[in-house]
Amino acid sequence: MERPVPPQSDAGVLGARPIRVYVLDDHELVRRGLQELLESEGFEVVGMSGSAEEAARRIPALRPDVSVLDARLPDGTGIEVCREVRSVDPTLNCVILTSYDDEQALRGAVLAGAAGYVLKEIGGTDLLGALRRAARGESLFDDSVKAKIIQGLTEPQRLDPRVASLTPQERRVLELVGQGMTNRQIGEEMLLAEKTVKNYVSSMLAKLGFERRTQAAVYLAHGTVPDTGRAS
């Protein structure tokens, strides 16, 4: 006998279909536990992995409604995966799941465009509710907290004369690069031609002494200067 589907307000459905979820965690028992919990509530788990590299490759192809990403992995972080997949497709919703209440990681999750950041100690019912909201495109971050993080982007950099040398447009480009946006997406946000954005990015990186936009994103997320060695 098929398991009855709960009412829509409680079920893992989006419209008339199940909410599609991708699970990234390096512990198999955690992955299986999440899969069992999600499927018992009507969600559809479309993929699972324990590797950041594999998840970054598969998520854009599978296009889940929401991805649950472990914050710390052997080959990267869920925040990096979130930033990478959203740079490919900004409609992808991601929730960072972590064991650590880390302010820098919270800040990084906001800048990466994550829908939310929740601790693994969260109750099953609350997690399911969070995933339903994220799948609908809602933010799980309190508006005031998110605004504070965004407004505080330049706080650690105010002492850095390189940031002070940026024009207002270059600073805005820096913020959007930190959110994982592509040149095309930045152009749409700022109403600029993609070629113009490319010029702003090149100028901004040169003034900061960086060679890659990922270095600028790390600088914003952590308030530290990353390795500026040449890419191999």
Protein backbone atom coordinates (compact mmCIF):
# COMPACT_ATOMS: atom_id res chain seq x y z
CA MET A 1 0.00 0.00 0.00
CA GLU A 2 1.35 3.41 -0.91
CA ARG A 3 2.11 5.80 1.92
CA PRO A 4 -0.51 8.56 2.05
CA VAL A 5 0.79 12.01 1.14
CA PRO A 6 0.42 14.55 3.99
CA PRO A 7 -1.41 17.82 3.39
CA GLN A 8 0.52 20.23 1.19
CA SER A 9 1.40 22.54 4.09
CA ASP A 10 3.25 19.67 5.76
CA ALA A 11 4.40 17.57 2.80
CA GLY A 12 7.65 17.82 0.89
CA VAL A 13 5.90 19.08 -2.21
CA LEU A 14 6.32 22.10 -4.42
CA GLY A 15 3.10 22.72 -6.27
CA ALA A 16 1.91 19.30 -7.43
CA ARG A 17 5.25 17.51 -7.31
CA PRO A 18 7.75 16.42 -4.63
CA ILE A 19 10.49 18.84 -3.61
CA ARG A 20 13.71 17.62 -5.22
CA VAL A 21 16.72 17.61 -2.89
CA TYR A 22 20.45 17.01 -3.30
CA VAL A 23 22.41 15.97 -0.21
CA LEU A 24 26.13 16.65 0.26
CA ASP A 25 27.81 15.27 3.39
CA ASP A 26 31.04 13.34 3.81
CA HIS A 27 29.48 10.91 6.31
CA GLU A 28 27.47 8.14 4.69
CA LEU A 29 25.33 7.61 7.79
CA VAL A 30 24.35 11.27 7.76
CA ARG A 31 23.48 11.10 4.06
CA ARG A 32 21.38 7.98 4.55
CA GLY A 33 19.70 9.44 7.62
CA LEU A 34 18.76 12.61 5.74
CA GLN A 35 17.53 10.57 2.80
CA GLU A 36 15.30 8.47 5.03
CA LEU A 37 13.92 11.55 6.80
CA LEU A 38 13.26 13.43 3.56
CA GLU A 39 11.68 10.54 1.68
CA SER A 40 9.45 9.67 4.63
CA GLU A 41 8.00 13.19 4.34
CA GLY A 42 7.37 13.13 0.61
CA PHE A 43 10.60 14.78 -0.61
CA GLU A 44 12.53 13.29 -3.53
CA VAL A 45 16.29 12.86 -3.06
CA VAL A 46 17.71 13.22 -6.57
CA GLY A 47 21.37 12.79 -5.67
CA MET A 48 23.87 12.40 -2.85
CA SER A 49 27.63 12.64 -2.53
CA GLY A 50 30.43 13.09 -0.03
CA SER A 51 32.65 15.15 -2.32
CA ALA A 52 32.50 18.91 -2.93
CA GLU A 53 33.94 18.47 -6.41
CA GLU A 54 31.32 15.88 -7.36
CA ALA A 55 28.47 17.96 -5.92
CA ALA A 56 29.59 21.10 -7.78
CA ARG A 57 29.47 19.11 -11.01
CA ARG A 58 26.21 17.25 -10.45
CA ILE A 59 23.97 19.88 -8.84
CA PRO A 60 23.70 22.18 -11.91
CA ALA A 61 22.95 19.13 -14.06
CA LEU A 62 20.30 17.69 -11.72
CA ARG A 63 18.74 21.10 -10.89
CA PRO A 64 17.28 20.18 -7.46
CA ASP A 65 14.83 22.56 -5.79
CA VAL A 66 17.21 22.78 -2.83
CA SER A 67 20.61 21.34 -1.94
CA VAL A 68 21.67 20.50 1.61
CA LEU A 69 25.43 21.17 1.78
CA ASP A 70 27.74 20.13 4.59
CA ALA A 71 29.90 23.11 5.55
CA ARG A 72 33.15 21.16 5.94
CA LEU A 73 34.32 18.46 3.55
CA PRO A 74 37.63 16.74 2.86
CA ASP A 75 37.98 18.46 -0.53
CA GLY A 76 36.32 21.82 0.14
CA THR A 77 33.31 23.43 1.80
CA GLY A 78 29.59 23.59 1.21
CA ILE A 79 29.92 27.36 0.96
CA GLU A 80 32.34 27.01 -1.95
CA VAL A 81 29.97 24.55 -3.63
CA CYS A 82 27.08 26.98 -3.11
CA ARG A 83 29.04 29.85 -4.64
CA GLU A 84 30.16 27.72 -7.58
CA VAL A 85 26.77 26.22 -8.50
CA ARG A 86 24.99 29.57 -8.12
CA SER A 87 27.54 31.19 -10.42
CA VAL A 88 26.38 28.64 -13.02
CA ASP A 89 22.67 28.96 -12.18
CA PRO A 90 21.58 31.60 -9.61
CA THR A 91 18.15 29.98 -9.31
CA LEU A 92 19.68 27.02 -7.44
CA ASN A 93 18.78 27.13 -3.73
CA CYS A 94 21.29 25.91 -1.15
CA VAL A 95 21.15 25.42 2.60
CA ILE A 96 24.43 25.07 4.50
CA LEU A 97 24.28 22.39 7.22
CA THR A 98 27.06 22.52 9.82
CA SER A 99 28.12 21.34 13.25
CA TYR A 100 29.87 24.64 13.98
CA ASP A 101 28.31 28.00 14.88
CA ASP A 102 30.97 30.02 13.05
CA GLU A 103 30.43 33.74 12.39
CA GLN A 104 32.85 33.78 9.46
CA ALA A 105 31.13 30.78 7.89
CA LEU A 106 27.74 32.45 8.39
CA ARG A 107 29.07 35.53 6.64
CA GLY A 108 30.51 33.40 3.85
CA ALA A 109 27.17 31.61 3.40
CA VAL A 110 25.34 34.93 2.98
CA LEU A 111 27.91 36.18 0.47
CA ALA A 112 27.77 32.90 -1.46
CA GLY A 113 24.03 33.36 -1.92
CA ALA A 114 22.91 30.50 0.33
CA ALA A 115 19.25 30.46 1.33
CA GLY A 116 20.17 29.54 4.88
CA TYR A 117 22.72 28.29 7.38
CA VAL A 118 21.53 25.77 9.97
CA LEU A 119 23.23 23.70 12.67
CA LYS A 120 23.11 19.90 12.54
CA GLU A 121 21.51 19.91 15.98
CA ILE A 122 18.34 21.30 14.39
CA GLY A 123 15.28 19.14 14.88
CA GLY A 124 13.98 17.09 11.96
CA THR A 125 10.69 19.00 11.77
CA ASP A 126 12.48 22.36 11.75
CA LEU A 127 14.92 21.18 9.08
CA LEU A 128 12.08 20.02 6.85
CA GLY A 129 10.35 23.37 7.28
CA ALA A 130 13.56 25.19 6.41
CA LEU A 131 14.04 23.13 3.26
CA ARG A 132 10.46 23.77 2.14
CA ARG A 133 11.00 27.51 2.51
CA ALA A 134 14.35 27.41 0.73
CA ALA A 135 12.85 25.36 -2.12
CA ARG A 136 10.29 28.13 -2.60
CA GLY A 137 13.12 30.64 -2.92
CA GLU A 138 12.71 32.13 0.56
CA SER A 139 15.67 33.27 2.65
CA LEU A 140 16.13 31.66 6.06
CA PHE A 141 18.33 34.51 7.23
CA ASP A 142 16.82 37.21 9.40
CA ASP A 143 16.64 40.36 7.27
CA SER A 144 18.41 42.49 9.87
CA VAL A 145 21.25 39.99 10.26
CA LYS A 146 21.68 39.67 6.52
CA ALA A 147 21.66 43.45 6.07
CA LYS A 148 24.25 43.83 8.82
CA ILE A 149 26.54 41.30 7.13
CA ILE A 150 26.19 42.96 3.73
CA GLN A 151 26.68 46.45 5.18
CA GLY A 152 29.70 45.26 7.11
CA LEU A 153 31.46 43.92 4.04
CA THR A 154 33.98 46.72 3.95
CA GLU A 155 34.64 46.92 7.71
CA PRO A 156 37.81 44.77 7.73
CA GLN A 157 38.97 46.39 4.50
CA ARG A 158 38.64 50.02 5.61
CA LEU A 159 42.17 49.85 6.96
CA ASP A 160 43.37 48.57 3.60
CA PRO A 161 44.38 51.48 1.33
CA ARG A 162 43.87 49.27 -1.72
CA VAL A 163 40.12 49.14 -1.08
CA ALA A 164 40.04 52.89 -0.51
CA SER A 165 41.50 53.29 -3.99
CA LEU A 166 38.49 51.59 -5.61
CA THR A 167 35.82 53.70 -7.28
CA PRO A 168 32.19 53.26 -6.07
CA GLN A 169 31.46 51.16 -9.17
CA GLU A 170 34.49 48.95 -8.55
CA ARG A 171 33.45 48.47 -4.91
CA ARG A 172 29.99 47.40 -6.02
CA VAL A 173 31.54 44.98 -8.52
CA LEU A 174 33.73 43.60 -5.72
CA GLU A 175 30.65 42.97 -3.54
CA LEU A 176 28.85 41.16 -6.37
CA VAL A 177 31.92 39.09 -7.21
CA GLY A 178 31.95 38.11 -3.54
CA GLN A 179 28.38 36.85 -3.94
CA GLY A 180 29.53 34.54 -6.72
CA MET A 181 27.97 36.43 -9.62
CA THR A 182 29.29 36.06 -13.14
CA ASN A 183 30.11 39.10 -15.29
CA ARG A 184 26.81 38.69 -17.10
CA GLN A 185 24.85 38.58 -13.84
CA ILE A 186 26.72 41.62 -12.52
CA GLY A 187 25.91 43.46 -15.74
CA GLU A 188 22.22 42.67 -15.32
CA GLU A 189 22.33 43.80 -11.69
CA MET A 190 24.17 47.06 -12.43
CA LEU A 191 22.61 47.69 -15.86
CA LEU A 192 26.01 47.56 -17.55
CA ALA A 193 27.33 45.84 -20.66
CA GLU A 194 29.19 42.61 -19.93
CA LYS A 195 32.33 44.06 -21.53
CA THR A 196 32.14 47.07 -19.19
CA VAL A 197 31.83 44.75 -16.18
CA LYS A 198 34.86 42.80 -17.39
CA ASN A 199 36.86 46.04 -17.44
CA TYR A 200 35.70 46.93 -13.93
CA VAL A 201 36.65 43.46 -12.66
CA SER A 202 40.11 43.69 -14.23
CA SER A 203 40.68 47.15 -12.75
CA MET A 204 39.40 46.10 -9.33
CA LEU A 205 41.62 43.01 -9.21
CA ALA A 206 44.65 45.01 -10.32
CA LYS A 207 44.14 47.61 -7.57
CA LEU A 208 43.74 44.89 -4.94
CA GLY A 209 46.77 43.00 -6.21
CA PHE A 210 44.77 39.87 -7.07
CA GLU A 211 44.89 37.82 -10.23
CA ARG A 212 41.72 35.76 -9.80
CA ARG A 213 38.21 36.75 -8.80
CA THR A 214 38.09 33.86 -6.34
CA GLN A 215 40.82 35.64 -4.35
CA ALA A 216 38.59 38.71 -4.09
CA ALA A 217 35.69 36.51 -2.91
CA VAL A 218 37.87 34.94 -0.20
CA TYR A 219 39.04 38.40 0.86
CA LEU A 220 35.45 39.58 1.32
CA ALA A 221 34.24 36.42 3.02
CA HIS A 222 37.04 36.20 5.58
CA GLY A 223 38.49 39.69 5.78
CA THR A 224 41.95 38.31 5.05
CA VAL A 225 44.31 38.53 2.13
CA PRO A 226 44.45 35.16 0.31
CA ASP A 227 47.41 33.66 -1.45
CA THR A 228 48.08 35.81 -4.49
CA GLY A 229 50.46 33.41 -6.16
CA ARG A 230 50.02 32.88 -9.85
CA ALA A 231 47.63 30.22 -10.96
CA SER A 232 49.30 27.10 -12.23
